[in-house]
Amino acid sequence: MNVQKLIETAKILVADNKGLLAMDESNPTCNKRFAKLGIPQTEEARRIYRELIITTPNLGDYISGAILYDETIRQKKQDGTPFLQVITEAGIMLGIKVDMGTKEMAGHSGEKITEGLDGLRDRLKEYVQMGASFAKWRAVITIGDRIPSRGCIEANSQALARYAALCQEVGLVPIVEPEVLMDGEHTEERCYKVTEEVLHTVFNHLYTQRVMLEGMILKPNMVLSGLTCPEQASVDEVADTTVNCLLQNVPAAVSGIAFLSGGQSSELASARLNAINLRFKSRSPWALTFSFGRAIQQPALDIWQGKEANVSKAQQALLHRAKCNWAARQGEYNAGIEGTEA
């Protein structure tokens, strides 16, 4: 394990007020989003869409790293140029999703476990040879009636820690993503308690597996009211509750916090990230950045709709959202920015 390289890579990923672009949707997930807009659910359509993303001019000004899916990391532009080359030349570091998705957890109704540890060491070595610098593994925690269970939290936390250790063994910075889902009627207070238990458990397992905290990045959820909760926390309340939860449960040695968007609207995700940095950046032990997927991509996808004529406008929308989140990292995002061109 090259300790210094891991630390340097982690620092670069959270430097210069940039963030991560999550474009690692599985094929089924990507196809579902295409279907809603009448876009063909084919490998070629996915390739064209991903080419649109990675060829967006000046994307590297706001994005430090892109998380890819296995299909994406092997794809090429229409002219035959490998995606890997395009991304690297844009000054963006290569990342790769390495989990195999979530499955129903045996004996735990309504809960899921993330699979993919079998054969992971060899897959990681291949991705390193392809040029990847970091990886990502997502665990899913659902809040509901009598869940999450202790068994679900423990099993997913252990898997995250084992994945992280294997990544560092081969020189990849692990993005550790324990996502407490925002679906449901739960209050922000309930989300806080569950997120606190999850984070505490995850770091216990990371310690047990001897993961070097300086060479990893945490990708947590913000502490939010459930989507269907009648009382929604304000932007400032979300900022205060989220960071207080992190301060109580995340060691200062961690290189950075890169929040997931988790289904938030693009504007709300940016506003909450802005409040977090406006109120806490000066006294946070970690960089507080973003690792958004839909919150950056969705406006561009809605504009593109699979049509060549819409590519340029879609790229402008994508760059605009990246710029908004870059501004939010500095506590400088506001409604006026939404009305400007990227």
C-alpha atoms as a PDB file:
ATOM      1  CA  MET A   1       0.000   0.000   0.000  1.00  0.00           C
ATOM      2  CA  ASN A   2       1.415   3.363  -1.090  1.00  0.00           C
ATOM      3  CA  VAL A   3       0.301   5.526   1.815  1.00  0.00           C
ATOM      4  CA  GLN A   4       1.520   8.819   0.408  1.00  0.00           C
ATOM      5  CA  LYS A   5      -0.132   8.268  -2.969  1.00  0.00           C
ATOM      6  CA  LEU A   6      -3.471   7.488  -1.351  1.00  0.00           C
ATOM      7  CA  ILE A   7      -3.329  10.623   0.772  1.00  0.00           C
ATOM      8  CA  GLU A   8      -2.331  12.807  -2.175  1.00  0.00           C
ATOM      9  CA  THR A   9      -5.112  11.395  -4.387  1.00  0.00           C
ATOM     10  CA  ALA A  10      -7.731  11.935  -1.686  1.00  0.00           C
ATOM     11  CA  LYS A  11      -6.584  15.530  -1.228  1.00  0.00           C
ATOM     12  CA  ILE A  12      -6.726  16.239  -4.965  1.00  0.00           C
ATOM     13  CA  LEU A  13     -10.293  14.922  -5.160  1.00  0.00           C
ATOM     14  CA  VAL A  14     -11.512  17.497  -2.633  1.00  0.00           C
ATOM     15  CA  ALA A  15      -9.229  20.405  -3.627  1.00  0.00           C
ATOM     16  CA  ASP A  16      -9.976  23.736  -5.337  1.00  0.00           C
ATOM     17  CA  ASN A  17     -13.656  23.743  -4.348  1.00  0.00           C
ATOM     18  CA  LYS A  18     -14.336  21.007  -6.902  1.00  0.00           C
ATOM     19  CA  GLY A  19     -16.516  17.940  -6.414  1.00  0.00           C
ATOM     20  CA  LEU A  20     -17.240  14.521  -7.874  1.00  0.00           C
ATOM     21  CA  LEU A  21     -19.615  13.696 -10.705  1.00  0.00           C
ATOM     22  CA  ALA A  22     -21.386  10.397 -10.133  1.00  0.00           C
ATOM     23  CA  MET A  23     -22.130   8.919 -13.563  1.00  0.00           C
ATOM     24  CA  ASP A  24     -22.052   5.315 -12.378  1.00  0.00           C
ATOM     25  CA  GLU A  25     -25.696   4.379 -12.837  1.00  0.00           C
ATOM     26  CA  SER A  26     -26.143   0.698 -13.574  1.00  0.00           C
ATOM     27  CA  ASN A  27     -27.592  -0.186 -16.976  1.00  0.00           C
ATOM     28  CA  PRO A  28     -31.057  -0.989 -15.541  1.00  0.00           C
ATOM     29  CA  THR A  29     -31.156   2.332 -13.658  1.00  0.00           C
ATOM     30  CA  CYS A  30     -30.000   4.288 -16.705  1.00  0.00           C
ATOM     31  CA  ASN A  31     -32.554   2.508 -18.881  1.00  0.00           C
ATOM     32  CA  LYS A  32     -35.377   3.439 -16.478  1.00  0.00           C
ATOM     33  CA  ARG A  33     -34.455   7.097 -16.740  1.00  0.00           C
ATOM     34  CA  PHE A  34     -34.267   6.840 -20.522  1.00  0.00           C
ATOM     35  CA  ALA A  35     -37.658   5.136 -20.680  1.00  0.00           C
ATOM     36  CA  LYS A  36     -39.354   8.040 -18.886  1.00  0.00           C
ATOM     37  CA  LEU A  37     -38.148  10.378 -21.642  1.00  0.00           C
ATOM     38  CA  GLY A  38     -38.743   8.034 -24.581  1.00  0.00           C
ATOM     39  CA  ILE A  39     -35.017   7.474 -25.192  1.00  0.00           C
ATOM     40  CA  PRO A  40     -34.055   4.035 -26.584  1.00  0.00           C
ATOM     41  CA  GLN A  41     -32.758   1.736 -23.821  1.00  0.00           C
ATOM     42  CA  THR A  42     -29.733   0.515 -25.725  1.00  0.00           C
ATOM     43  CA  GLU A  43     -25.981   0.337 -25.174  1.00  0.00           C
ATOM     44  CA  GLU A  44     -25.430   2.827 -28.002  1.00  0.00           C
ATOM     45  CA  ALA A  45     -27.868   5.346 -26.495  1.00  0.00           C
ATOM     46  CA  ARG A  46     -26.081   5.051 -23.162  1.00  0.00           C
ATOM     47  CA  ARG A  47     -22.731   5.544 -24.902  1.00  0.00           C
ATOM     48  CA  ILE A  48     -23.946   8.660 -26.691  1.00  0.00           C
ATOM     49  CA  TYR A  49     -25.315  10.122 -23.472  1.00  0.00           C
ATOM     50  CA  ARG A  50     -22.107   9.469 -21.573  1.00  0.00           C
ATOM     51  CA  GLU A  51     -20.095  10.981 -24.421  1.00  0.00           C
ATOM     52  CA  LEU A  52     -22.263  14.087 -24.050  1.00  0.00           C
ATOM     53  CA  ILE A  53     -21.293  14.274 -20.368  1.00  0.00           C
ATOM     54  CA  ILE A  54     -17.553  13.739 -20.641  1.00  0.00           C
ATOM     55  CA  THR A  55     -17.106  16.061 -23.637  1.00  0.00           C
ATOM     56  CA  THR A  56     -18.821  18.982 -21.899  1.00  0.00           C
ATOM     57  CA  PRO A  57     -16.398  21.911 -22.372  1.00  0.00           C
ATOM     58  CA  ASN A  58     -14.595  23.113 -19.216  1.00  0.00           C
ATOM     59  CA  LEU A  59     -16.136  20.420 -16.999  1.00  0.00           C
ATOM     60  CA  GLY A  60     -12.760  19.941 -15.317  1.00  0.00           C
ATOM     61  CA  ASP A  61     -12.973  23.492 -13.939  1.00  0.00           C
ATOM     62  CA  TYR A  62     -15.579  22.316 -11.437  1.00  0.00           C
ATOM     63  CA  ILE A  63     -15.276  18.518 -11.303  1.00  0.00           C
ATOM     64  CA  SER A  64     -12.225  16.770  -9.821  1.00  0.00           C
ATOM     65  CA  GLY A  65     -13.271  13.167 -10.410  1.00  0.00           C
ATOM     66  CA  ALA A  66     -15.868  11.155 -12.314  1.00  0.00           C
ATOM     67  CA  ILE A  67     -17.275   7.879 -10.980  1.00  0.00           C
ATOM     68  CA  LEU A  68     -17.891   5.493 -13.881  1.00  0.00           C
ATOM     69  CA  TYR A  69     -19.759   2.228 -14.329  1.00  0.00           C
ATOM     70  CA  ASP A  70     -18.031  -0.872 -15.711  1.00  0.00           C
ATOM     71  CA  GLU A  71     -19.672  -0.442 -19.122  1.00  0.00           C
ATOM     72  CA  THR A  72     -18.690   3.238 -19.253  1.00  0.00           C
ATOM     73  CA  ILE A  73     -15.026   2.784 -18.411  1.00  0.00           C
ATOM     74  CA  ARG A  74     -14.694   0.517 -21.478  1.00  0.00           C
ATOM     75  CA  GLN A  75     -16.554   2.752 -23.940  1.00  0.00           C
ATOM     76  CA  LYS A  76     -15.237   5.060 -26.663  1.00  0.00           C
ATOM     77  CA  LYS A  77     -16.341   8.209 -28.405  1.00  0.00           C
ATOM     78  CA  GLN A  78     -17.879   8.020 -31.853  1.00  0.00           C
ATOM     79  CA  ASP A  79     -14.430   8.733 -33.313  1.00  0.00           C
ATOM     80  CA  GLY A  80     -12.865   5.826 -31.409  1.00  0.00           C
ATOM     81  CA  THR A  81     -11.173   7.818 -28.628  1.00  0.00           C
ATOM     82  CA  PRO A  82     -11.424   5.908 -25.320  1.00  0.00           C
ATOM     83  CA  PHE A  83     -13.557   7.630 -22.695  1.00  0.00           C
ATOM     84  CA  LEU A  84     -10.673   7.211 -20.262  1.00  0.00           C
ATOM     85  CA  GLN A  85      -8.460   9.399 -22.446  1.00  0.00           C
ATOM     86  CA  VAL A  86     -11.128  12.078 -22.832  1.00  0.00           C
ATOM     87  CA  ILE A  87     -11.728  12.293 -19.079  1.00  0.00           C
ATOM     88  CA  THR A  88      -8.036  12.353 -18.205  1.00  0.00           C
ATOM     89  CA  GLU A  89      -7.278  15.052 -20.774  1.00  0.00           C
ATOM     90  CA  ALA A  90     -10.055  17.151 -19.207  1.00  0.00           C
ATOM     91  CA  GLY A  91      -8.091  17.093 -15.946  1.00  0.00           C
ATOM     92  CA  ILE A  92     -10.604  14.815 -14.228  1.00  0.00           C
ATOM     93  CA  MET A  93      -9.549  11.785 -12.184  1.00  0.00           C
ATOM     94  CA  LEU A  94     -11.027   8.374 -12.998  1.00  0.00           C
ATOM     95  CA  GLY A  95     -13.201   6.574 -10.475  1.00  0.00           C
ATOM     96  CA  ILE A  96     -15.177   3.341 -10.724  1.00  0.00           C
ATOM     97  CA  LYS A  97     -18.213   1.864  -8.997  1.00  0.00           C
ATOM     98  CA  VAL A  98     -17.194  -1.622  -7.868  1.00  0.00           C
ATOM     99  CA  ASP A  99     -20.163  -2.982  -5.916  1.00  0.00           C
ATOM    100  CA  MET A 100     -22.591  -5.293  -7.707  1.00  0.00           C
ATOM    101  CA  GLY A 101     -25.757  -3.641  -6.476  1.00  0.00           C
ATOM    102  CA  THR A 102     -28.186  -4.291  -3.661  1.00  0.00           C
ATOM    103  CA  LYS A 103     -30.202  -7.434  -3.019  1.00  0.00           C
ATOM    104  CA  GLU A 104     -32.890  -8.345  -0.523  1.00  0.00           C
ATOM    105  CA  MET A 105     -31.200  -9.257   2.748  1.00  0.00           C
ATOM    106  CA  ALA A 106     -32.015 -12.785   3.903  1.00  0.00           C
ATOM    107  CA  GLY A 107     -34.012 -12.784   7.117  1.00  0.00           C
ATOM    108  CA  HIS A 108     -34.474  -9.010   7.065  1.00  0.00           C
ATOM    109  CA  SER A 109     -37.737  -8.027   5.401  1.00  0.00           C
ATOM    110  CA  GLY A 110     -37.600  -4.629   3.726  1.00  0.00           C
ATOM    111  CA  GLU A 111     -33.812  -4.315   4.013  1.00  0.00           C
ATOM    112  CA  LYS A 112     -31.004  -4.689   1.492  1.00  0.00           C
ATOM    113  CA  ILE A 113     -27.392  -5.835   1.443  1.00  0.00           C
ATOM    114  CA  THR A 114     -24.824  -4.742  -1.130  1.00  0.00           C
ATOM    115  CA  GLU A 115     -23.040  -7.571  -2.947  1.00  0.00           C
ATOM    116  CA  GLY A 116     -19.739  -7.693  -4.813  1.00  0.00           C
ATOM    117  CA  LEU A 117     -16.955  -8.724  -2.443  1.00  0.00           C
ATOM    118  CA  ASP A 118     -16.365 -12.030  -4.247  1.00  0.00           C
ATOM    119  CA  GLY A 119     -13.622 -11.523  -6.813  1.00  0.00           C
ATOM    120  CA  LEU A 120     -13.239  -7.869  -5.876  1.00  0.00           C
ATOM    121  CA  ARG A 121      -9.464  -7.963  -5.433  1.00  0.00           C
ATOM    122  CA  ASP A 122      -8.929  -9.056  -9.048  1.00  0.00           C
ATOM    123  CA  ARG A 123     -11.455  -6.563 -10.413  1.00  0.00           C
ATOM    124  CA  LEU A 124      -9.760  -3.744  -8.543  1.00  0.00           C
ATOM    125  CA  LYS A 125      -6.390  -4.674 -10.021  1.00  0.00           C
ATOM    126  CA  GLU A 126      -7.881  -4.519 -13.523  1.00  0.00           C
ATOM    127  CA  TYR A 127      -9.345  -1.077 -12.894  1.00  0.00           C
ATOM    128  CA  VAL A 128      -5.980   0.180 -11.608  1.00  0.00           C
ATOM    129  CA  GLN A 129      -4.350  -1.040 -14.823  1.00  0.00           C
ATOM    130  CA  MET A 130      -7.021   0.846 -16.785  1.00  0.00           C
ATOM    131  CA  GLY A 131      -6.109   4.071 -14.997  1.00  0.00           C
ATOM    132  CA  ALA A 132      -8.598   4.375 -12.128  1.00  0.00           C
ATOM    133  CA  SER A 133      -7.484   6.371  -9.089  1.00  0.00           C
ATOM    134  CA  PHE A 134     -10.462   5.805  -6.804  1.00  0.00           C
ATOM    135  CA  ALA A 135     -13.476   3.556  -6.352  1.00  0.00           C
ATOM    136  CA  LYS A 136     -16.956   3.635  -4.841  1.00  0.00           C
ATOM    137  CA  TRP A 137     -19.177   1.195  -2.924  1.00  0.00           C
ATOM    138  CA  ARG A 138     -22.741   2.086  -1.897  1.00  0.00           C
ATOM    139  CA  ALA A 139     -24.657   0.603   1.002  1.00  0.00           C
ATOM    140  CA  VAL A 140     -28.381   1.317   1.395  1.00  0.00           C
ATOM    141  CA  ILE A 141     -30.120   1.805   4.733  1.00  0.00           C
ATOM    142  CA  THR A 142     -33.915   2.148   4.776  1.00  0.00           C
ATOM    143  CA  ILE A 143     -35.852   3.878   7.555  1.00  0.00           C
ATOM    144  CA  GLY A 144     -39.231   2.288   8.224  1.00  0.00           C
ATOM    145  CA  ASP A 145     -41.319   0.405  10.729  1.00  0.00           C
ATOM    146  CA  ARG A 146     -38.805  -1.328  13.032  1.00  0.00           C
ATOM    147  CA  ILE A 147     -36.009  -0.845  10.531  1.00  0.00           C
ATOM    148  CA  PRO A 148     -33.129  -0.465  10.037  1.00  0.00           C
ATOM    149  CA  SER A 149     -32.168  -3.500  12.072  1.00  0.00           C
ATOM    150  CA  ARG A 150     -28.864  -3.884  13.825  1.00  0.00           C
ATOM    151  CA  GLY A 151     -28.069  -6.852  11.594  1.00  0.00           C
ATOM    152  CA  CYS A 152     -28.507  -4.825   8.404  1.00  0.00           C
ATOM    153  CA  ILE A 153     -26.343  -1.954   9.636  1.00  0.00           C
ATOM    154  CA  GLU A 154     -23.587  -4.314  10.816  1.00  0.00           C
ATOM    155  CA  ALA A 155     -23.520  -6.385   7.620  1.00  0.00           C
ATOM    156  CA  ASN A 156     -23.388  -3.377   5.309  1.00  0.00           C
ATOM    157  CA  SER A 157     -20.792  -1.614   7.452  1.00  0.00           C
ATOM    158  CA  GLN A 158     -18.529  -4.650   7.443  1.00  0.00           C
ATOM    159  CA  ALA A 159     -18.816  -4.934   3.649  1.00  0.00           C
ATOM    160  CA  LEU A 160     -17.927  -1.251   3.241  1.00  0.00           C
ATOM    161  CA  ALA A 161     -14.849  -1.695   5.438  1.00  0.00           C
ATOM    162  CA  ARG A 162     -13.659  -4.820   3.641  1.00  0.00           C
ATOM    163  CA  TYR A 163     -14.102  -3.082   0.281  1.00  0.00           C
ATOM    164  CA  ALA A 164     -12.164  -0.047   1.523  1.00  0.00           C
ATOM    165  CA  ALA A 165      -9.263  -2.182   2.746  1.00  0.00           C
ATOM    166  CA  LEU A 166      -9.054  -4.000  -0.595  1.00  0.00           C
ATOM    167  CA  CYS A 167      -9.039  -0.674  -2.447  1.00  0.00           C
ATOM    168  CA  GLN A 168      -6.179   0.732  -0.415  1.00  0.00           C
ATOM    169  CA  GLU A 169      -4.236  -2.499  -0.866  1.00  0.00           C
ATOM    170  CA  VAL A 170      -4.023  -1.824  -4.630  1.00  0.00           C
ATOM    171  CA  GLY A 171      -3.689   1.953  -4.408  1.00  0.00           C
ATOM    172  CA  LEU A 172      -7.277   3.087  -4.969  1.00  0.00           C
ATOM    173  CA  VAL A 173      -8.851   5.715  -2.724  1.00  0.00           C
ATOM    174  CA  PRO A 174     -12.143   4.242  -1.471  1.00  0.00           C
ATOM    175  CA  ILE A 175     -15.283   6.343  -1.512  1.00  0.00           C
ATOM    176  CA  VAL A 176     -17.290   4.903   1.385  1.00  0.00           C
ATOM    177  CA  GLU A 177     -21.020   5.482   0.819  1.00  0.00           C
ATOM    178  CA  PRO A 178     -23.443   4.460   3.575  1.00  0.00           C
ATOM    179  CA  GLU A 179     -26.682   5.996   2.293  1.00  0.00           C
ATOM    180  CA  VAL A 180     -29.612   6.417   4.645  1.00  0.00           C
ATOM    181  CA  LEU A 181     -32.447   6.780   2.151  1.00  0.00           C
ATOM    182  CA  MET A 182     -34.666   9.861   2.211  1.00  0.00           C
ATOM    183  CA  ASP A 183     -37.768   7.868   1.214  1.00  0.00           C
ATOM    184  CA  GLY A 184     -40.450   7.671   3.900  1.00  0.00           C
ATOM    185  CA  GLU A 185     -42.382   9.692   6.467  1.00  0.00           C
ATOM    186  CA  HIS A 186     -39.626   9.863   9.093  1.00  0.00           C
ATOM    187  CA  THR A 187     -38.695  13.106  10.799  1.00  0.00           C
ATOM    188  CA  GLU A 188     -35.304  14.766  10.550  1.00  0.00           C
ATOM    189  CA  GLU A 189     -34.687  13.716  14.147  1.00  0.00           C
ATOM    190  CA  ARG A 190     -35.210  10.042  13.237  1.00  0.00           C
ATOM    191  CA  CYS A 191     -32.869  10.425  10.270  1.00  0.00           C
ATOM    192  CA  TYR A 192     -30.260  11.908  12.607  1.00  0.00           C
ATOM    193  CA  LYS A 193     -30.445   8.965  15.000  1.00  0.00           C
ATOM    194  CA  VAL A 194     -30.198   6.386  12.218  1.00  0.00           C
ATOM    195  CA  THR A 195     -27.390   8.230  10.421  1.00  0.00           C
ATOM    196  CA  GLU A 196     -25.503   8.521  13.709  1.00  0.00           C
ATOM    197  CA  GLU A 197     -25.771   4.779  14.370  1.00  0.00           C
ATOM    198  CA  VAL A 198     -24.741   3.956  10.803  1.00  0.00           C
ATOM    199  CA  LEU A 199     -21.692   6.241  10.810  1.00  0.00           C
ATOM    200  CA  HIS A 200     -20.578   5.027  14.219  1.00  0.00           C
ATOM    201  CA  THR A 201     -20.803   1.415  13.064  1.00  0.00           C
ATOM    202  CA  VAL A 202     -19.079   2.069   9.734  1.00  0.00           C
ATOM    203  CA  PHE A 203     -16.065   3.679  11.392  1.00  0.00           C
ATOM    204  CA  ASN A 204     -15.811   0.918  13.963  1.00  0.00           C
ATOM    205  CA  HIS A 205     -15.500  -1.577  11.102  1.00  0.00           C
ATOM    206  CA  LEU A 206     -13.097   0.649   9.153  1.00  0.00           C
ATOM    207  CA  TYR A 207     -10.873   0.694  12.227  1.00  0.00           C
ATOM    208  CA  THR A 208     -11.146  -3.092  12.619  1.00  0.00           C
ATOM    209  CA  GLN A 209     -10.158  -3.600   8.962  1.00  0.00           C
ATOM    210  CA  ARG A 210      -7.195  -1.204   9.365  1.00  0.00           C
ATOM    211  CA  VAL A 211      -8.391   1.257   6.745  1.00  0.00           C
ATOM    212  CA  MET A 212      -6.267   4.422   6.630  1.00  0.00           C
ATOM    213  CA  LEU A 213      -8.715   7.268   7.151  1.00  0.00           C
ATOM    214  CA  GLU A 214      -6.490   9.890   5.535  1.00  0.00           C
ATOM    215  CA  GLY A 215      -6.660   7.876   2.310  1.00  0.00           C
ATOM    216  CA  MET A 216     -10.455   7.630   1.999  1.00  0.00           C
ATOM    217  CA  ILE A 217     -13.464   9.872   1.382  1.00  0.00           C
ATOM    218  CA  LEU A 218     -16.844   9.508   3.070  1.00  0.00           C
ATOM    219  CA  LYS A 219     -19.946   9.902   0.894  1.00  0.00           C
ATOM    220  CA  PRO A 220     -22.849  10.291   3.329  1.00  0.00           C
ATOM    221  CA  ASN A 221     -26.443  11.417   3.055  1.00  0.00           C
ATOM    222  CA  MET A 222     -27.490  14.769   4.404  1.00  0.00           C
ATOM    223  CA  VAL A 223     -29.708  14.494   7.483  1.00  0.00           C
ATOM    224  CA  LEU A 224     -33.154  15.170   6.029  1.00  0.00           C
ATOM    225  CA  SER A 225     -36.821  14.791   6.789  1.00  0.00           C
ATOM    226  CA  GLY A 226     -38.363  11.903   4.863  1.00  0.00           C
ATOM    227  CA  LEU A 227     -39.784  12.856   1.476  1.00  0.00           C
ATOM    228  CA  THR A 228     -43.370  12.363   2.667  1.00  0.00           C
ATOM    229  CA  CYS A 229     -42.879  13.780   6.168  1.00  0.00           C
ATOM    230  CA  PRO A 230     -45.402  16.613   6.700  1.00  0.00           C
ATOM    231  CA  GLU A 231     -42.783  18.735   8.456  1.00  0.00           C
ATOM    232  CA  GLN A 232     -39.763  19.467   6.274  1.00  0.00           C
ATOM    233  CA  ALA A 233     -36.608  20.858   7.865  1.00  0.00           C
ATOM    234  CA  SER A 234     -35.383  24.198   6.530  1.00  0.00           C
ATOM    235  CA  VAL A 235     -32.164  24.552   4.556  1.00  0.00           C
ATOM    236  CA  ASP A 236     -30.326  25.945   7.583  1.00  0.00           C
ATOM    237  CA  GLU A 237     -31.731  23.248   9.873  1.00  0.00           C
ATOM    238  CA  VAL A 238     -30.481  20.579   7.461  1.00  0.00           C
ATOM    239  CA  ALA A 239     -27.030  22.176   7.460  1.00  0.00           C
ATOM    240  CA  ASP A 240     -26.826  22.349  11.256  1.00  0.00           C
ATOM    241  CA  THR A 241     -28.173  18.858  11.887  1.00  0.00           C
ATOM    242  CA  THR A 242     -26.066  17.246   9.167  1.00  0.00           C
ATOM    243  CA  VAL A 243     -22.738  18.716  10.216  1.00  0.00           C
ATOM    244  CA  ASN A 244     -23.395  18.212  13.920  1.00  0.00           C
ATOM    245  CA  CYS A 245     -24.058  14.546  13.190  1.00  0.00           C
ATOM    246  CA  LEU A 246     -20.797  14.296  11.264  1.00  0.00           C
ATOM    247  CA  LEU A 247     -18.819  16.091  13.972  1.00  0.00           C
ATOM    248  CA  GLN A 248     -20.077  13.574  16.509  1.00  0.00           C
ATOM    249  CA  ASN A 249     -19.312  10.482  14.451  1.00  0.00           C
ATOM    250  CA  VAL A 250     -16.655  11.057  11.776  1.00  0.00           C
ATOM    251  CA  PRO A 251     -12.957  11.209  12.724  1.00  0.00           C
ATOM    252  CA  ALA A 252     -11.116  14.386  11.737  1.00  0.00           C
ATOM    253  CA  ALA A 253      -8.488  12.271   9.944  1.00  0.00           C
ATOM    254  CA  VAL A 254     -10.880  11.549   7.040  1.00  0.00           C
ATOM    255  CA  SER A 255      -9.739  13.517   3.976  1.00  0.00           C
ATOM    256  CA  GLY A 256     -13.135  14.752   2.873  1.00  0.00           C
ATOM    257  CA  ILE A 257     -16.905  14.541   3.032  1.00  0.00           C
ATOM    258  CA  ALA A 258     -18.585  14.320  -0.392  1.00  0.00           C
ATOM    259  CA  PHE A 259     -22.351  14.432   0.054  1.00  0.00           C
ATOM    260  CA  LEU A 260     -24.658  12.358  -2.128  1.00  0.00           C
ATOM    261  CA  SER A 261     -27.775  14.018  -3.528  1.00  0.00           C
ATOM    262  CA  GLY A 262     -30.016  11.000  -3.015  1.00  0.00           C
ATOM    263  CA  GLY A 263     -33.007  12.194  -4.987  1.00  0.00           C
ATOM    264  CA  GLN A 264     -32.970  15.848  -3.920  1.00  0.00           C
ATOM    265  CA  SER A 265     -33.822  18.373  -6.605  1.00  0.00           C
ATOM    266  CA  SER A 266     -30.846  20.035  -8.255  1.00  0.00           C
ATOM    267  CA  GLU A 267     -31.527  23.446  -6.719  1.00  0.00           C
ATOM    268  CA  LEU A 268     -32.243  22.136  -3.222  1.00  0.00           C
ATOM    269  CA  ALA A 269     -29.105  19.986  -3.176  1.00  0.00           C
ATOM    270  CA  SER A 270     -27.032  23.044  -4.099  1.00  0.00           C
ATOM    271  CA  ALA A 271     -28.793  25.263  -1.544  1.00  0.00           C
ATOM    272  CA  ARG A 272     -28.207  22.773   1.261  1.00  0.00           C
ATOM    273  CA  LEU A 273     -24.563  22.259   0.311  1.00  0.00           C
ATOM    274  CA  ASN A 274     -24.174  26.026   0.277  1.00  0.00           C
ATOM    275  CA  ALA A 275     -25.657  26.395   3.763  1.00  0.00           C
ATOM    276  CA  ILE A 276     -23.393  23.639   5.061  1.00  0.00           C
ATOM    277  CA  ASN A 277     -20.289  25.443   3.815  1.00  0.00           C
ATOM    278  CA  LEU A 278     -21.510  28.936   4.689  1.00  0.00           C
ATOM    279  CA  ARG A 279     -22.079  27.904   8.307  1.00  0.00           C
ATOM    280  CA  PHE A 280     -19.323  25.346   8.872  1.00  0.00           C
ATOM    281  CA  LYS A 281     -16.522  25.552   6.291  1.00  0.00           C
ATOM    282  CA  SER A 282     -14.270  27.733   8.440  1.00  0.00           C
ATOM    283  CA  ARG A 283     -14.353  25.285  11.365  1.00  0.00           C
ATOM    284  CA  SER A 284     -14.824  21.918   9.691  1.00  0.00           C
ATOM    285  CA  PRO A 285     -11.959  19.403   9.968  1.00  0.00           C
ATOM    286  CA  TRP A 286     -12.817  18.092   6.494  1.00  0.00           C
ATOM    287  CA  ALA A 287     -13.506  19.509   3.050  1.00  0.00           C
ATOM    288  CA  LEU A 288     -17.308  19.558   2.597  1.00  0.00           C
ATOM    289  CA  THR A 289     -17.957  18.845  -1.057  1.00  0.00           C
ATOM    290  CA  PHE A 290     -20.376  17.040  -3.365  1.00  0.00           C
ATOM    291  CA  SER A 291     -20.611  13.743  -5.188  1.00  0.00           C
ATOM    292  CA  PHE A 292     -23.878  14.283  -7.042  1.00  0.00           C
ATOM    293  CA  GLY A 293     -25.438  12.168  -9.771  1.00  0.00           C
ATOM    294  CA  ARG A 294     -28.996  13.092 -10.659  1.00  0.00           C
ATOM    295  CA  ALA A 295     -28.668  16.552  -9.072  1.00  0.00           C
ATOM    296  CA  ILE A 296     -26.098  17.398 -11.770  1.00  0.00           C
ATOM    297  CA  GLN A 297     -27.257  15.174 -14.645  1.00  0.00           C
ATOM    298  CA  GLN A 298     -31.049  15.365 -14.609  1.00  0.00           C
ATOM    299  CA  PRO A 299     -31.504  18.849 -16.155  1.00  0.00           C
ATOM    300  CA  ALA A 300     -29.154  17.872 -18.986  1.00  0.00           C
ATOM    301  CA  LEU A 301     -30.955  14.565 -19.536  1.00  0.00           C
ATOM    302  CA  ASP A 302     -34.328  16.326 -19.641  1.00  0.00           C
ATOM    303  CA  ILE A 303     -33.023  18.709 -22.326  1.00  0.00           C
ATOM    304  CA  TRP A 304     -31.183  16.088 -24.389  1.00  0.00           C
ATOM    305  CA  GLN A 305     -34.001  13.533 -24.728  1.00  0.00           C
ATOM    306  CA  GLY A 306     -31.815  11.467 -27.044  1.00  0.00           C
ATOM    307  CA  LYS A 307     -31.655  14.139 -29.768  1.00  0.00           C
ATOM    308  CA  GLU A 308     -28.397  15.267 -31.374  1.00  0.00           C
ATOM    309  CA  ALA A 309     -29.736  18.799 -31.844  1.00  0.00           C
ATOM    310  CA  ASN A 310     -30.050  19.196 -28.075  1.00  0.00           C
ATOM    311  CA  VAL A 311     -26.501  18.162 -27.126  1.00  0.00           C
ATOM    312  CA  SER A 312     -25.043  21.655 -26.804  1.00  0.00           C
ATOM    313  CA  LYS A 313     -27.890  22.956 -24.611  1.00  0.00           C
ATOM    314  CA  ALA A 314     -27.739  19.825 -22.495  1.00  0.00           C
ATOM    315  CA  GLN A 315     -24.007  20.311 -21.946  1.00  0.00           C
ATOM    316  CA  GLN A 316     -24.609  23.922 -20.924  1.00  0.00           C
ATOM    317  CA  ALA A 317     -27.133  22.733 -18.335  1.00  0.00           C
ATOM    318  CA  LEU A 318     -24.708  20.109 -17.023  1.00  0.00           C
ATOM    319  CA  LEU A 319     -21.888  22.625 -16.703  1.00  0.00           C
ATOM    320  CA  HIS A 320     -24.234  25.089 -15.011  1.00  0.00           C
ATOM    321  CA  ARG A 321     -25.123  22.584 -12.308  1.00  0.00           C
ATOM    322  CA  ALA A 322     -21.457  21.723 -11.774  1.00  0.00           C
ATOM    323  CA  LYS A 323     -20.684  25.425 -11.438  1.00  0.00           C
ATOM    324  CA  CYS A 324     -23.563  25.927  -8.985  1.00  0.00           C
ATOM    325  CA  ASN A 325     -22.174  23.233  -6.707  1.00  0.00           C
ATOM    326  CA  TRP A 326     -18.650  24.626  -7.060  1.00  0.00           C
ATOM    327  CA  ALA A 327     -20.068  27.935  -5.822  1.00  0.00           C
ATOM    328  CA  ALA A 328     -21.949  26.153  -3.027  1.00  0.00           C
ATOM    329  CA  ARG A 329     -18.664  24.688  -1.766  1.00  0.00           C
ATOM    330  CA  GLN A 330     -17.565  28.264  -1.169  1.00  0.00           C
ATOM    331  CA  GLY A 331     -20.838  29.394   0.393  1.00  0.00           C
ATOM    332  CA  GLU A 332     -21.419  31.627  -2.638  1.00  0.00           C
ATOM    333  CA  TYR A 333     -24.422  29.931  -4.252  1.00  0.00           C
ATOM    334  CA  ASN A 334     -27.615  31.988  -4.500  1.00  0.00           C
ATOM    335  CA  ALA A 335     -30.772  32.326  -6.569  1.00  0.00           C
ATOM    336  CA  GLY A 336     -29.021  34.775  -8.892  1.00  0.00           C
ATOM    337  CA  ILE A 337     -26.585  32.101 -10.000  1.00  0.00           C
ATOM    338  CA  GLU A 338     -29.490  29.948 -11.185  1.00  0.00           C
ATOM    339  CA  GLY A 339     -30.384  32.675 -13.645  1.00  0.00           C
ATOM    340  CA  THR A 340     -26.916  32.897 -15.173  1.00  0.00           C
ATOM    341  CA  GLU A 341     -25.307  30.930 -17.947  1.00  0.00           C
ATOM    342  CA  ALA A 342     -22.482  28.584 -16.937  1.00  0.00           C
END
